[in-house]
Amino acid sequence: MIETGSFIREVSSFGQGPNEYTGSIFDSYGFDEKNDIIFTGDSHYESCKGINLETNNVELIVKKPLIENANERIHTSAPWLIKDDTYISFCNNRTGKDKIKLIVYDKEGSIMKQYPNYLEFHKGESRTNQVSPGIFYYYKGLTYFKEMFYNDTVFSVDENNLAPHIIFKLGNKQPSYYHRMANDNTKGKYLINFVNESNSFVLFNFIYYTETETMRGPMGSESIAKDRLTHTGYFDKKTKQVYISSSPDYQKSGYILTGLPVGFLPISINKNKEMIAHIDPEELIKYKEKIDPQYKHLLQNIQEDDNPIVVIAKIKE
């Protein structure tokens, strides 16, 4: 069923019923893999429903954390499970001067810990608001976090401590946090938008712009830019070397599976260290004569307007 792309089952549905959702389905950072629960927002974003992927039942409600100090502002999206009934969320710095970066809370919305934000950016007259769940992942039972795009550090985090874990040495490729709203701020810079790791590797993706027409909209809503390249890379923990993808023969750089002549970018890595990604059918058709015979029987009937082809690749250790 998986190989053919045939429909397997539906997970929940939009509606007013007891096991339905009325708001947004959050992205992969709103997924509790330990308990097979995906989170959705309610219509007013005051709480999140946790829907079990196997039963399609709403198994819990996680209320949004409420700040008692009216002068403090937070804008959180998806909850990330730290341990039983304890969650953490990234607080988007929407005004440019918000004072909280991460917030730890229970399912009732009671705050257990706040991690401060020391960074500011110049918002000017812009009305755009950044909306990002942050980058979270598990490794050896611990939670790790990185802010999207404009910083260089992965932190280990729990309900008591926040500590640097990985630092990307970007040099003059580091984008300016303060000038993040400027039109040309991202030109020639590396914007890291995915990180995960295994025992042997640290894997990451980053966006690289070569023109001045860069990101203007909120996170996840980028303007069309010339020569925007998304690359994959990894750090080999044994050799202490960094490798970055390059596939000039194809439109998209990224990881390449032997026999498939297109690159793909991981969007998540699960607890079994399987990399989840997708391939654009339209791009694959352009290079169909280079598809290895072992895959041709799976891809012989694809059309340009088909749904993306899901790729699951096991990371070797």
Protein backbone atom coordinates (compact mmCIF):
# COMPACT_ATOMS: atom_id res chain seq x y z
CA MET A 1 0.00 0.00 0.00
CA ILE A 2 2.77 2.45 0.88
CA GLU A 3 4.81 1.74 -2.26
CA THR A 4 1.88 2.26 -4.61
CA GLY A 5 0.69 5.45 -2.94
CA SER A 6 -2.78 4.00 -2.42
CA PHE A 7 -5.00 5.58 0.21
CA ILE A 8 -4.64 3.94 3.62
CA ARG A 9 -6.80 5.94 6.04
CA GLU A 10 -7.81 9.41 7.13
CA VAL A 11 -6.59 11.01 10.33
CA SER A 12 -9.40 12.99 11.97
CA SER A 13 -11.45 15.46 9.93
CA PHE A 14 -12.46 19.11 9.91
CA GLY A 15 -15.66 19.78 11.83
CA GLN A 16 -17.39 20.46 15.13
CA GLY A 17 -17.59 16.84 16.32
CA PRO A 18 -15.95 15.50 19.50
CA ASN A 19 -12.99 13.97 17.62
CA GLU A 20 -12.72 16.59 14.88
CA TYR A 21 -10.71 19.79 14.62
CA THR A 22 -11.70 23.36 13.78
CA GLY A 23 -8.31 25.07 13.56
CA SER A 24 -4.96 24.35 11.97
CA ILE A 25 -3.09 21.06 11.86
CA PHE A 26 0.35 22.00 13.12
CA ASP A 27 3.45 20.86 11.32
CA SER A 28 5.83 18.09 12.35
CA TYR A 29 6.99 20.00 15.43
CA GLY A 30 3.47 19.59 16.82
CA PHE A 31 3.71 15.82 16.63
CA ASP A 32 4.14 13.76 19.80
CA GLU A 33 5.91 10.75 18.31
CA LYS A 34 6.26 9.03 21.68
CA ASN A 35 2.48 8.69 21.95
CA ASP A 36 1.50 8.88 18.23
CA ILE A 37 -0.42 12.11 18.74
CA ILE A 38 -0.72 15.01 16.31
CA PHE A 39 -1.74 18.43 17.61
CA THR A 40 -4.30 20.78 16.10
CA GLY A 41 -5.21 24.30 17.13
CA ASP A 42 -8.72 25.27 18.10
CA SER A 43 -10.48 28.05 16.22
CA HIS A 44 -9.27 30.68 18.71
CA TYR A 45 -5.82 29.14 19.26
CA GLU A 46 -6.41 29.03 23.01
CA SER A 47 -5.64 25.33 23.22
CA CYS A 48 -4.44 22.35 21.20
CA LYS A 49 -6.23 19.07 20.65
CA GLY A 50 -4.08 15.95 20.70
CA ILE A 51 -5.47 13.43 18.21
CA ASN A 52 -4.25 9.83 18.37
CA LEU A 53 -3.16 8.72 14.89
CA GLU A 54 -4.31 5.12 15.43
CA THR A 55 -7.71 5.69 17.03
CA ASN A 56 -8.58 9.12 15.56
CA ASN A 57 -9.78 10.10 19.04
CA VAL A 58 -8.91 13.30 20.86
CA GLU A 59 -6.91 12.01 23.81
CA LEU A 60 -5.90 15.27 25.47
CA ILE A 61 -6.27 19.03 25.43
CA VAL A 62 -3.18 21.20 25.94
CA LYS A 63 -4.03 24.75 26.91
CA LYS A 64 -1.87 27.63 25.74
CA PRO A 65 0.34 29.14 28.47
CA LEU A 66 -0.98 32.38 29.93
CA ILE A 67 1.38 35.13 31.08
CA GLU A 68 0.26 36.95 34.24
CA ASN A 69 2.33 40.04 33.48
CA ALA A 70 0.33 42.08 30.98
CA ASN A 71 3.50 43.81 29.78
CA GLU A 72 4.99 40.54 28.55
CA ARG A 73 3.89 39.12 25.20
CA ILE A 74 4.19 35.63 23.83
CA HIS A 75 3.04 33.99 20.65
CA THR A 76 3.43 30.21 20.71
CA SER A 77 2.34 27.60 18.21
CA ALA A 78 2.93 23.87 18.60
CA PRO A 79 3.63 22.17 21.94
CA TRP A 80 6.65 19.85 22.20
CA LEU A 81 6.53 17.07 24.81
CA ILE A 82 9.50 17.13 27.22
CA LYS A 83 8.16 14.48 29.58
CA ASP A 84 4.76 13.32 30.82
CA ASP A 85 2.33 16.27 30.88
CA THR A 86 5.18 18.77 30.45
CA TYR A 87 5.51 20.77 27.22
CA ILE A 88 7.73 23.44 25.76
CA SER A 89 7.00 25.98 23.04
CA PHE A 90 9.04 28.53 21.14
CA CYS A 91 7.80 32.10 21.57
CA ASN A 92 7.93 34.06 18.34
CA ASN A 93 9.49 37.48 18.84
CA ARG A 94 6.67 39.23 16.99
CA THR A 95 7.32 42.79 18.16
CA GLY A 96 11.10 42.59 17.87
CA LYS A 97 11.42 43.23 21.61
CA ASP A 98 9.59 40.28 23.21
CA LYS A 99 11.40 39.08 26.31
CA ILE A 100 10.62 35.33 26.33
CA LYS A 101 12.24 32.79 24.00
CA LEU A 102 10.99 29.44 25.34
CA ILE A 103 8.25 28.59 27.79
CA VAL A 104 7.68 25.34 29.72
CA TYR A 105 4.14 24.54 30.88
CA ASP A 106 1.75 21.72 31.73
CA LYS A 107 -1.36 20.70 29.83
CA GLU A 108 -3.47 23.13 31.87
CA GLY A 109 -1.34 26.03 30.64
CA SER A 110 0.35 26.60 34.01
CA ILE A 111 3.85 27.96 33.42
CA MET A 112 6.74 26.08 34.99
CA LYS A 113 9.72 27.88 33.44
CA GLN A 114 10.48 30.82 31.16
CA TYR A 115 13.72 31.17 29.21
CA PRO A 116 14.49 34.80 28.36
CA ASN A 117 15.07 36.26 24.93
CA TYR A 118 17.94 38.74 24.82
CA LEU A 119 17.78 39.48 21.08
CA GLU A 120 15.99 42.37 19.39
CA PHE A 121 15.33 43.19 15.78
CA HIS A 122 14.28 46.38 14.05
CA LYS A 123 10.74 45.91 12.84
CA GLY A 124 10.23 49.41 11.48
CA GLU A 125 6.87 49.92 9.78
CA SER A 126 6.49 46.31 8.75
CA ARG A 127 3.20 44.65 9.61
CA THR A 128 4.42 41.12 8.96
CA ASN A 129 4.55 38.77 11.90
CA GLN A 130 6.87 35.81 12.14
CA VAL A 131 5.19 32.49 12.83
CA SER A 132 7.51 29.56 13.50
CA PRO A 133 7.23 26.55 15.81
CA GLY A 134 11.01 26.46 16.19
CA ILE A 135 13.15 23.41 15.47
CA PHE A 136 12.85 20.67 18.10
CA TYR A 137 14.16 17.11 18.08
CA TYR A 138 14.93 14.24 20.43
CA TYR A 139 18.35 12.66 20.78
CA LYS A 140 19.18 10.04 23.40
CA GLY A 141 16.05 10.86 25.31
CA LEU A 142 16.73 14.59 25.55
CA THR A 143 15.12 17.54 23.77
CA TYR A 144 17.13 19.91 21.56
CA PHE A 145 16.01 23.25 20.14
CA LYS A 146 17.12 25.77 17.53
CA GLU A 147 15.45 28.97 16.45
CA MET A 148 14.65 29.01 12.74
CA PHE A 149 16.96 30.88 10.33
CA TYR A 150 18.55 33.71 12.30
CA ASN A 151 20.75 32.07 14.89
CA ASP A 152 23.65 29.63 14.94
CA THR A 153 23.09 27.56 18.11
CA VAL A 154 21.30 24.32 18.96
CA PHE A 155 20.44 24.14 22.67
CA SER A 156 19.70 21.21 24.95
CA VAL A 157 16.63 22.12 26.96
CA ASP A 158 14.44 20.71 29.71
CA GLU A 159 12.20 22.11 32.44
CA ASN A 160 15.22 23.35 34.41
CA ASN A 161 18.13 24.17 32.10
CA LEU A 162 19.03 25.59 28.70
CA ALA A 163 22.59 24.97 27.45
CA PRO A 164 24.44 25.25 24.09
CA HIS A 165 24.84 21.90 22.36
CA ILE A 166 25.90 22.65 18.75
CA ILE A 167 27.24 25.90 17.29
CA PHE A 168 27.37 26.48 13.53
CA LYS A 169 30.43 28.57 12.67
CA LEU A 170 28.88 30.67 9.90
CA GLY A 171 31.42 33.50 9.85
CA ASN A 172 30.39 36.19 7.38
CA LYS A 173 27.50 33.95 6.25
CA GLN A 174 25.67 34.62 9.54
CA PRO A 175 22.50 36.66 8.87
CA SER A 176 21.85 39.66 11.08
CA TYR A 177 19.13 39.10 13.66
CA TYR A 178 18.68 42.83 14.24
CA HIS A 179 18.29 43.58 10.51
CA ARG A 180 16.18 40.51 9.73
CA MET A 181 13.39 42.64 8.19
CA ALA A 182 15.72 44.43 5.76
CA ASN A 183 15.20 43.43 2.12
CA ASP A 184 18.82 42.50 1.43
CA ASN A 185 19.67 41.03 4.83
CA THR A 186 19.65 37.40 3.65
CA LYS A 187 21.65 37.89 0.46
CA GLY A 188 24.72 35.64 0.58
CA LYS A 189 23.79 34.30 4.05
CA TYR A 190 23.07 30.81 5.35
CA LEU A 191 19.62 30.39 6.94
CA ILE A 192 19.44 27.06 8.75
CA ASN A 193 15.91 25.66 8.68
CA PHE A 194 16.34 22.03 9.75
CA VAL A 195 18.59 20.19 12.23
CA ASN A 196 18.60 16.67 13.63
CA GLU A 197 21.24 14.17 14.69
CA SER A 198 22.11 10.53 15.15
CA ASN A 199 25.01 8.81 16.89
CA SER A 200 27.22 9.40 13.84
CA PHE A 201 25.89 12.56 12.19
CA VAL A 202 24.44 16.02 12.65
CA LEU A 203 22.15 16.62 9.66
CA PHE A 204 20.97 20.06 8.57
CA ASN A 205 19.36 22.05 5.76
CA PHE A 206 19.98 25.70 4.95
CA ILE A 207 18.67 28.28 2.49
CA TYR A 208 21.08 30.44 0.50
CA TYR A 209 20.05 33.52 -1.48
CA THR A 210 22.25 35.06 -4.17
CA GLU A 211 19.93 37.94 -5.12
CA THR A 212 18.58 40.89 -3.14
CA GLU A 213 14.95 39.85 -3.51
CA THR A 214 14.75 37.87 -0.29
CA MET A 215 12.35 36.81 2.42
CA ARG A 216 9.82 39.48 3.32
CA GLY A 217 6.81 37.59 4.56
CA PRO A 218 6.28 35.75 7.84
CA MET A 219 8.17 32.53 8.46
CA GLY A 220 6.86 29.83 6.21
CA SER A 221 5.49 32.45 3.80
CA GLU A 222 8.47 33.53 1.74
CA SER A 223 8.40 35.86 -1.23
CA ILE A 224 9.54 34.58 -4.60
CA ALA A 225 13.31 35.01 -4.81
CA LYS A 226 15.79 34.62 -7.62
CA ASP A 227 18.46 31.95 -7.16
CA ARG A 228 17.24 30.71 -3.82
CA LEU A 229 19.07 27.47 -3.15
CA THR A 230 18.22 25.00 -0.41
CA HIS A 231 21.12 22.75 0.54
CA THR A 232 21.54 19.76 2.76
CA GLY A 233 24.60 19.02 4.83
CA TYR A 234 25.91 16.84 7.59
CA PHE A 235 28.67 16.80 10.18
CA ASP A 236 30.46 13.47 10.58
CA LYS A 237 31.05 13.10 14.32
CA LYS A 238 33.84 10.56 13.80
CA THR A 239 35.93 12.46 11.24
CA LYS A 240 34.89 15.94 12.47
CA GLN A 241 34.23 16.96 8.85
CA VAL A 242 31.30 18.90 7.37
CA TYR A 243 29.82 17.98 3.98
CA ILE A 244 27.38 20.12 1.95
CA SER A 245 25.28 18.89 -0.96
CA SER A 246 25.85 19.94 -4.54
CA SER A 247 23.87 18.60 -7.49
CA PRO A 248 24.34 21.04 -10.37
CA ASP A 249 22.84 18.67 -12.94
CA TYR A 250 19.40 18.95 -11.31
CA GLN A 251 17.14 21.79 -10.19
CA LYS A 252 17.15 20.94 -6.50
CA SER A 253 20.20 20.20 -4.40
CA GLY A 254 19.88 17.77 -1.52
CA TYR A 255 20.38 14.14 -0.66
CA ILE A 256 20.45 11.71 -3.57
CA LEU A 257 19.33 8.09 -3.48
CA THR A 258 21.27 5.92 -5.91
CA GLY A 259 19.02 5.37 -8.89
CA LEU A 260 16.81 8.44 -8.37
CA PRO A 261 18.14 11.46 -10.31
CA VAL A 262 16.65 14.20 -8.10
CA GLY A 263 17.55 15.67 -4.76
CA PHE A 264 15.30 15.57 -1.71
CA LEU A 265 15.24 17.51 1.54
CA PRO A 266 14.37 15.90 4.89
CA ILE A 267 11.45 17.47 6.74
CA SER A 268 11.74 15.21 9.78
CA ILE A 269 13.65 12.26 11.21
CA ASN A 270 11.70 9.81 13.33
CA LYS A 271 12.64 7.81 16.42
CA ASN A 272 13.86 4.94 14.22
CA LYS A 273 16.27 7.38 12.51
CA GLU A 274 14.35 7.21 9.26
CA MET A 275 14.56 10.38 7.18
CA ILE A 276 11.20 11.55 5.84
CA ALA A 277 11.20 13.67 2.69
CA HIS A 278 9.36 14.07 -0.59
CA ILE A 279 10.11 14.32 -4.31
CA ASP A 280 8.27 16.55 -6.77
CA PRO A 281 6.77 14.32 -9.54
CA GLU A 282 7.17 17.09 -12.12
CA GLU A 283 10.90 17.29 -11.45
CA LEU A 284 11.29 13.53 -11.53
CA ILE A 285 9.59 13.30 -14.92
CA LYS A 286 12.18 15.69 -16.39
CA TYR A 287 14.91 13.14 -15.63
CA LYS A 288 12.88 9.95 -16.05
CA GLU A 289 15.39 8.46 -18.49
CA LYS A 290 17.93 8.42 -15.62
CA ILE A 291 15.72 6.48 -13.21
CA ASP A 292 17.28 3.16 -12.25
CA PRO A 293 15.33 0.04 -13.41
CA GLN A 294 14.77 -1.00 -9.79
CA TYR A 295 12.48 2.03 -9.33
CA LYS A 296 10.89 2.32 -12.77
CA HIS A 297 8.05 -0.10 -12.01
CA LEU A 298 7.04 2.12 -9.06
CA LEU A 299 7.22 5.36 -11.01
CA GLN A 300 6.17 4.41 -14.53
CA ASN A 301 2.66 5.89 -14.19
CA ILE A 302 3.43 9.15 -12.41
CA GLN A 303 1.93 12.40 -13.70
CA GLU A 304 3.18 15.97 -13.26
CA ASP A 305 0.18 16.93 -11.11
CA ASP A 306 0.41 13.89 -8.81
CA ASN A 307 0.86 14.33 -5.08
CA PRO A 308 4.49 14.50 -3.89
CA ILE A 309 6.26 11.16 -3.67
CA VAL A 310 7.18 10.36 -0.05
CA VAL A 311 10.72 9.12 0.53
CA ILE A 312 11.72 7.21 3.68
CA ALA A 313 15.49 6.68 3.92
CA LYS A 314 17.25 4.92 6.78
CA ILE A 315 20.28 6.75 8.21
CA LYS A 316 23.31 4.48 8.41
CA GLU A 317 25.32 4.50 11.62
